[in-house]
C-alpha atoms as a PDB file:
ATOM      1  CA  UNK A   1      70.325 -98.513 -59.309  1.00  0.00           C
ATOM      2  CA  UNK A   2      67.380 -97.032 -61.137  1.00  0.00           C
ATOM      3  CA  UNK A   3      66.227 -95.341 -57.931  1.00  0.00           C
ATOM      4  CA  UNK A   4      69.654 -93.764 -57.472  1.00  0.00           C
ATOM      5  CA  UNK A   5      69.663 -92.431 -61.046  1.00  0.00           C
ATOM      6  CA  UNK A   6      66.171 -91.028 -60.598  1.00  0.00           C
ATOM      7  CA  UNK A   7      67.138 -89.460 -57.293  1.00  0.00           C
ATOM      8  CA  UNK A   8      70.244 -87.905 -58.869  1.00  0.00           C
ATOM      9  CA  UNK A   9      68.205 -86.580 -61.808  1.00  0.00           C
ATOM     10  CA  UNK A  10      65.686 -85.057 -59.397  1.00  0.00           C
ATOM     11  CA  UNK A  11      68.419 -83.395 -57.358  1.00  0.00           C
ATOM     12  CA  UNK A  12      70.027 -82.116 -60.547  1.00  0.00           C
ATOM     13  CA  UNK A  13      66.703 -80.730 -61.773  1.00  0.00           C
ATOM     14  CA  UNK A  14      66.168 -79.001 -58.433  1.00  0.00           C
ATOM     15  CA  UNK A  15      69.678 -77.541 -58.617  1.00  0.00           C
ATOM     16  CA  UNK A  16      69.125 -76.280 -62.149  1.00  0.00           C
ATOM     17  CA  UNK A  17      65.746 -74.850 -61.181  1.00  0.00           C
ATOM     18  CA  UNK A  18      67.234 -73.162 -58.113  1.00  0.00           C
ATOM     19  CA  UNK A  19      70.059 -71.755 -60.215  1.00  0.00           C
ATOM     20  CA  UNK A  20      67.525 -70.506 -62.753  1.00  0.00           C
ATOM     21  CA  UNK A  21      65.426 -68.736 -60.123  1.00  0.00           C
ATOM     22  CA  UNK A  22      68.548 -67.334 -58.483  1.00  0.00           C
ATOM     23  CA  UNK A  23      69.738 -66.007 -61.842  1.00  0.00           C
ATOM     24  CA  UNK A  24      66.267 -64.564 -62.459  1.00  0.00           C
ATOM     25  CA  UNK A  25      66.367 -62.911 -59.042  1.00  0.00           C
ATOM     26  CA  UNK A  26      69.797 -61.446 -59.777  1.00  0.00           C
ATOM     27  CA  UNK A  27      68.554 -60.224 -63.146  1.00  0.00           C
ATOM     28  CA  UNK A  28      65.524 -58.555 -61.582  1.00  0.00           C
ATOM     29  CA  UNK A  29      67.620 -57.076 -58.801  1.00  0.00           C
ATOM     30  CA  UNK A  30      70.153 -55.839 -61.344  1.00  0.00           C
ATOM     31  CA  UNK A  31      67.359 -54.305 -63.429  1.00  0.00           C
ATOM     32  CA  UNK A  32      65.951 -52.546 -60.371  1.00  0.00           C
ATOM     33  CA  UNK A  33      69.405 -51.309 -59.423  1.00  0.00           C
ATOM     34  CA  UNK A  34      69.994 -50.144 -62.981  1.00  0.00           C
ATOM     35  CA  UNK A  35      66.637 -48.346 -62.965  1.00  0.00           C
ATOM     36  CA  UNK A  36      67.437 -46.678 -59.638  1.00  0.00           C
ATOM     37  CA  UNK A  37      70.869 -45.691 -60.932  1.00  0.00           C
ATOM     38  CA  UNK A  38      69.327 -44.246 -64.109  1.00  0.00           C
ATOM     39  CA  UNK A  39      66.812 -42.281 -62.027  1.00  0.00           C
ATOM     40  CA  UNK A  40      69.557 -40.903 -59.791  1.00  0.00           C
ATOM     41  CA  UNK A  41      71.610 -40.001 -62.857  1.00  0.00           C
ATOM     42  CA  UNK A  42      68.627 -38.129 -64.336  1.00  0.00           C
ATOM     43  CA  UNK A  43      68.109 -36.271 -61.057  1.00  0.00           C
ATOM     44  CA  UNK A  44      71.791 -35.386 -60.900  1.00  0.00           C
ATOM     45  CA  UNK A  45      71.699 -34.176 -64.508  1.00  0.00           C
ATOM     46  CA  UNK A  46      68.651 -31.992 -63.784  1.00  0.00           C
ATOM     47  CA  UNK A  47      70.393 -30.584 -60.702  1.00  0.00           C
ATOM     48  CA  UNK A  48      73.509 -29.790 -62.729  1.00  0.00           C
ATOM     49  CA  UNK A  49      71.404 -28.064 -65.403  1.00  0.00           C
ATOM     50  CA  UNK A  50      69.565 -26.062 -62.716  1.00  0.00           C
ATOM     51  CA  UNK A  51      72.855 -25.017 -61.118  1.00  0.00           C
ATOM     52  CA  UNK A  52      74.229 -24.020 -64.527  1.00  0.00           C
ATOM     53  CA  UNK A  53      71.141 -21.870 -65.133  1.00  0.00           C
ATOM     54  CA  UNK A  54      71.543 -20.256 -61.703  1.00  0.00           C
ATOM     55  CA  UNK A  55      75.222 -19.623 -62.414  1.00  0.00           C
ATOM     56  CA  UNK A  56      74.377 -18.111 -65.788  1.00  0.00           C
ATOM     57  CA  UNK A  57      71.770 -15.882 -64.140  1.00  0.00           C
ATOM     58  CA  UNK A  58      74.266 -14.825 -61.466  1.00  0.00           C
ATOM     59  CA  UNK A  59      76.855 -14.001 -64.133  1.00  0.00           C
ATOM     60  CA  UNK A  60      74.262 -11.924 -65.992  1.00  0.00           C
ATOM     61  CA  UNK A  61      73.281 -10.108 -62.781  1.00  0.00           C
ATOM     62  CA  UNK A  62      76.942  -9.517 -61.981  1.00  0.00           C
ATOM     63  CA  UNK A  63      77.582  -8.097 -65.448  1.00  0.00           C
ATOM     64  CA  UNK A  64      74.560  -5.789 -65.065  1.00  0.00           C
ATOM     65  CA  UNK A  65      75.738  -4.686 -61.616  1.00  0.00           C
ATOM     66  CA  UNK A  66      79.250  -4.020 -62.910  1.00  0.00           C
ATOM     67  CA  UNK A  67      77.795  -2.002 -65.794  1.00  0.00           C
ATOM     68  CA  UNK A  68      75.666   0.067 -63.385  1.00  0.00           C
ATOM     69  CA  UNK A  69      78.674   0.567 -61.124  1.00  0.00           C
ATOM     70  CA  UNK A  70      80.778   1.725 -64.052  1.00  0.00           C
ATOM     71  CA  UNK A  71      78.045   4.189 -65.090  1.00  0.00           C
ATOM     72  CA  UNK A  72      77.834   5.451 -61.509  1.00  0.00           C
ATOM     73  CA  UNK A  73      81.616   5.940 -61.417  1.00  0.00           C
ATOM     74  CA  UNK A  74      81.469   7.921 -64.670  1.00  0.00           C
ATOM     75  CA  UNK A  75      78.628  10.034 -63.266  1.00  0.00           C
ATOM     76  CA  UNK A  76      80.578  10.765 -60.082  1.00  0.00           C
ATOM     77  CA  UNK A  77      83.665  11.600 -62.142  1.00  0.00           C
ATOM     78  CA  UNK A  78      81.623  14.009 -64.282  1.00  0.00           C
ATOM     79  CA  UNK A  79      80.113  15.617 -61.183  1.00  0.00           C
ATOM     80  CA  UNK A  80      83.580  16.007 -59.689  1.00  0.00           C
ATOM     81  CA  UNK A  81      84.756  17.841 -62.795  1.00  0.00           C
ATOM     82  CA  UNK A  82      81.656  20.051 -62.900  1.00  0.00           C
ATOM     83  CA  UNK A  83      81.228  20.805 -59.201  1.00  0.00           C
ATOM     84  CA  UNK A  84      84.661  20.541 -57.574  1.00  0.00           C
ATOM     85  CA  UNK A  85      85.353  23.834 -55.834  1.00  0.00           C
ATOM     86  CA  UNK A  86      82.009  25.322 -56.908  1.00  0.00           C
ATOM     87  CA  UNK A  87      79.615  27.181 -54.614  1.00  0.00           C
ATOM     88  CA  UNK A  88      76.283  25.410 -54.200  1.00  0.00           C
ATOM     89  CA  UNK A  89      73.426  27.118 -52.414  1.00  0.00           C
ATOM     90  CA  UNK A  90      70.711  25.958 -50.047  1.00  0.00           C
ATOM     91  CA  UNK A  91      69.197  29.358 -49.189  1.00  0.00           C
ATOM     92  CA  UNK A  92      68.284  32.442 -51.221  1.00  0.00           C
ATOM     93  CA  UNK A  93      70.319  34.644 -48.889  1.00  0.00           C
ATOM     94  CA  UNK A  94      73.440  32.629 -49.756  1.00  0.00           C
ATOM     95  CA  UNK A  95      72.942  33.465 -53.447  1.00  0.00           C
ATOM     96  CA  UNK A  96      72.496  37.188 -52.778  1.00  0.00           C
ATOM     97  CA  UNK A  97      75.559  37.319 -50.512  1.00  0.00           C
ATOM     98  CA  UNK A  98      77.586  35.426 -53.119  1.00  0.00           C
ATOM     99  CA  UNK A  99      76.596  37.864 -55.899  1.00  0.00           C
ATOM    100  CA  UNK A 100      77.338  40.909 -53.728  1.00  0.00           C
ATOM    101  CA  UNK A 101      80.771  39.544 -52.817  1.00  0.00           C
ATOM    102  CA  UNK A 102      81.503  38.645 -56.443  1.00  0.00           C
ATOM    103  CA  UNK A 103      80.520  42.144 -57.580  1.00  0.00           C
ATOM    104  CA  UNK A 104      82.866  43.608 -54.965  1.00  0.00           C
ATOM    105  CA  UNK A 105      85.753  41.354 -56.087  1.00  0.00           C
ATOM    106  CA  UNK A 106      85.156  42.277 -59.748  1.00  0.00           C
ATOM    107  CA  UNK A 107      85.011  46.022 -59.075  1.00  0.00           C
ATOM    108  CA  UNK A 108      81.444  46.516 -60.311  1.00  0.00           C
ATOM    109  CA  UNK A 109      78.509  48.236 -58.629  1.00  0.00           C
ATOM    110  CA  UNK A 110      75.335  46.196 -58.054  1.00  0.00           C
ATOM    111  CA  UNK A 111      72.320  48.352 -58.903  1.00  0.00           C
ATOM    112  CA  UNK A 112      69.827  45.504 -58.497  1.00  0.00           C
ATOM    113  CA  UNK A 113      69.983  41.961 -57.135  1.00  0.00           C
ATOM    114  CA  UNK A 114      66.556  40.490 -56.474  1.00  0.00           C
ATOM    115  CA  UNK A 115      64.512  37.350 -56.897  1.00  0.00           C
ATOM    116  CA  UNK A 116      62.462  37.259 -60.062  1.00  0.00           C
ATOM    117  CA  UNK A 117      59.192  35.383 -60.010  1.00  0.00           C
ATOM    118  CA  UNK A 118      58.594  33.562 -63.315  1.00  0.00           C
ATOM    119  CA  UNK A 119      55.598  34.634 -65.349  1.00  0.00           C
ATOM    120  CA  UNK A 120      52.578  32.331 -65.698  1.00  0.00           C
ATOM    121  CA  UNK A 121      53.802  31.187 -69.126  1.00  0.00           C
ATOM    122  CA  UNK A 122      57.234  30.319 -67.774  1.00  0.00           C
ATOM    123  CA  UNK A 123      55.667  28.526 -64.823  1.00  0.00           C
ATOM    124  CA  UNK A 124      53.790  26.231 -67.199  1.00  0.00           C
ATOM    125  CA  UNK A 125      56.945  25.497 -69.160  1.00  0.00           C
ATOM    126  CA  UNK A 126      59.176  24.969 -66.149  1.00  0.00           C
ATOM    127  CA  UNK A 127      57.968  23.595 -62.842  1.00  0.00           C
ATOM    128  CA  UNK A 128      61.325  22.982 -61.173  1.00  0.00           C
ATOM    129  CA  UNK A 129      60.848  24.578 -57.754  1.00  0.00           C
ATOM    130  CA  UNK A 130      64.499  23.867 -56.976  1.00  0.00           C
ATOM    131  CA  UNK A 131      65.642  26.722 -59.219  1.00  0.00           C
ATOM    132  CA  UNK A 132      66.069  30.321 -58.102  1.00  0.00           C
ATOM    133  CA  UNK A 133      65.863  33.113 -60.684  1.00  0.00           C
ATOM    134  CA  UNK A 134      67.749  36.268 -59.718  1.00  0.00           C
ATOM    135  CA  UNK A 135      67.618  39.477 -61.715  1.00  0.00           C
ATOM    136  CA  UNK A 136      70.970  41.258 -61.673  1.00  0.00           C
ATOM    137  CA  UNK A 137      71.840  44.770 -62.861  1.00  0.00           C
ATOM    138  CA  UNK A 138      75.484  45.807 -62.593  1.00  0.00           C
ATOM    139  CA  UNK A 139      77.208  49.103 -63.346  1.00  0.00           C
ATOM    140  CA  UNK A 140      80.879  49.214 -64.269  1.00  0.00           C
ATOM    141  CA  UNK A 141      83.501  51.749 -65.406  1.00  0.00           C
ATOM    142  CA  UNK A 142      84.297  49.428 -68.332  1.00  0.00           C
ATOM    143  CA  UNK A 143      83.151  46.247 -70.031  1.00  0.00           C
ATOM    144  CA  UNK A 144      86.235  44.295 -68.902  1.00  0.00           C
ATOM    145  CA  UNK A 145      85.067  44.287 -65.294  1.00  0.00           C
ATOM    146  CA  UNK A 146      81.646  43.026 -66.347  1.00  0.00           C
ATOM    147  CA  UNK A 147      83.333  40.192 -68.243  1.00  0.00           C
ATOM    148  CA  UNK A 148      85.471  39.530 -65.164  1.00  0.00           C
ATOM    149  CA  UNK A 149      82.296  39.215 -63.072  1.00  0.00           C
ATOM    150  CA  UNK A 150      80.839  36.660 -65.524  1.00  0.00           C
ATOM    151  CA  UNK A 151      84.101  34.698 -65.733  1.00  0.00           C
ATOM    152  CA  UNK A 152      84.416  34.531 -61.943  1.00  0.00           C
ATOM    153  CA  UNK A 153      80.809  33.395 -61.633  1.00  0.00           C
ATOM    154  CA  UNK A 154      81.345  30.650 -64.214  1.00  0.00           C
ATOM    155  CA  UNK A 155      84.414  29.413 -62.343  1.00  0.00           C
ATOM    156  CA  UNK A 156      82.911  29.477 -58.871  1.00  0.00           C
ATOM    157  CA  UNK A 157      79.296  28.323 -59.159  1.00  0.00           C
ATOM    158  CA  UNK A 158      76.696  26.522 -61.266  1.00  0.00           C
ATOM    159  CA  UNK A 159      74.173  28.709 -63.075  1.00  0.00           C
ATOM    160  CA  UNK A 160      72.427  29.375 -66.355  1.00  0.00           C
ATOM    161  CA  UNK A 161      71.031  32.479 -68.033  1.00  0.00           C
ATOM    162  CA  UNK A 162      67.245  32.369 -67.770  1.00  0.00           C
ATOM    163  CA  UNK A 163      66.547  34.333 -70.960  1.00  0.00           C
ATOM    164  CA  UNK A 164      69.712  34.867 -73.056  1.00  0.00           C
ATOM    165  CA  UNK A 165      67.802  36.897 -75.640  1.00  0.00           C
ATOM    166  CA  UNK A 166      66.858  39.428 -72.925  1.00  0.00           C
ATOM    167  CA  UNK A 167      70.387  39.785 -71.569  1.00  0.00           C
ATOM    168  CA  UNK A 168      71.913  43.270 -71.946  1.00  0.00           C
ATOM    169  CA  UNK A 169      75.672  43.815 -71.923  1.00  0.00           C
ATOM    170  CA  UNK A 170      76.878  47.337 -72.713  1.00  0.00           C
ATOM    171  CA  UNK A 171      80.198  49.016 -72.020  1.00  0.00           C
ATOM    172  CA  UNK A 172      79.103  50.038 -68.538  1.00  0.00           C
ATOM    173  CA  UNK A 173      75.986  47.964 -67.831  1.00  0.00           C
ATOM    174  CA  UNK A 174      75.046  44.317 -67.407  1.00  0.00           C
ATOM    175  CA  UNK A 175      71.414  43.309 -67.068  1.00  0.00           C
ATOM    176  CA  UNK A 176      70.502  39.611 -66.908  1.00  0.00           C
ATOM    177  CA  UNK A 177      68.442  37.026 -65.055  1.00  0.00           C
ATOM    178  CA  UNK A 178      70.490  34.127 -63.738  1.00  0.00           C
ATOM    179  CA  UNK A 179      69.081  30.759 -62.674  1.00  0.00           C
ATOM    180  CA  UNK A 180      70.739  29.011 -59.740  1.00  0.00           C
ATOM    181  CA  UNK A 181      69.908  25.398 -58.795  1.00  0.00           C
ATOM    182  CA  UNK A 182      69.064  25.235 -55.091  1.00  0.00           C
ATOM    183  CA  UNK A 183      70.319  22.092 -53.410  1.00  0.00           C
ATOM    184  CA  UNK A 184      68.767  20.297 -50.436  1.00  0.00           C
ATOM    185  CA  UNK A 185      70.809  19.457 -47.351  1.00  0.00           C
ATOM    186  CA  UNK A 186      70.510  15.676 -47.872  1.00  0.00           C
ATOM    187  CA  UNK A 187      71.662  16.079 -51.498  1.00  0.00           C
ATOM    188  CA  UNK A 188      74.606  18.150 -50.309  1.00  0.00           C
ATOM    189  CA  UNK A 189      75.587  15.428 -47.835  1.00  0.00           C
ATOM    190  CA  UNK A 190      75.433  12.801 -50.593  1.00  0.00           C
ATOM    191  CA  UNK A 191      77.735  14.877 -52.802  1.00  0.00           C
ATOM    192  CA  UNK A 192      80.162  15.299 -49.909  1.00  0.00           C
ATOM    193  CA  UNK A 193      80.165  11.560 -49.216  1.00  0.00           C
ATOM    194  CA  UNK A 194      80.935  10.945 -52.887  1.00  0.00           C
ATOM    195  CA  UNK A 195      83.800  13.448 -52.538  1.00  0.00           C
ATOM    196  CA  UNK A 196      82.300  15.533 -55.331  1.00  0.00           C
ATOM    197  CA  UNK A 197      82.585  18.703 -53.248  1.00  0.00           C
END
């Protein structure tokens, strides 16, 4: 009887010990699984944060692009208003022919239409080789026709007066130097593609 009790106690002890080690194993396995899960969660969180940063950067880039596009649209719109229907020139001969035709339409007599080379002082101040200075002297029966010439020129081309203080406008005479921006063929094509001209 004593042997049976001892044998039962031994079996019970072994069962308890086995249960203990099994529980310990489960605990360790659970801890490892929990650690792995925590690590994966941290990685996922970092990935989400990285994606959010990328998204924020993309939104910022998109906003910048939209702003640039809006500025470009405003620039094109301004160019359309300024240049639509205007004569732009690529060659000097085109400018001279334009001025001669305009003088004829306005009923004035061109006494002088020639290229004016800028002085050394003006060259230092302005180095834009894309500009053409043309000295113009016109004779007219009355001042109204001279004004008509200037109004037509303002409506049909882009120009500036090189030296306003030197401009002479009498009842029958106009003497001035006009500056015309000369445009390159590739620039002209760009303006046409933008439907500015």
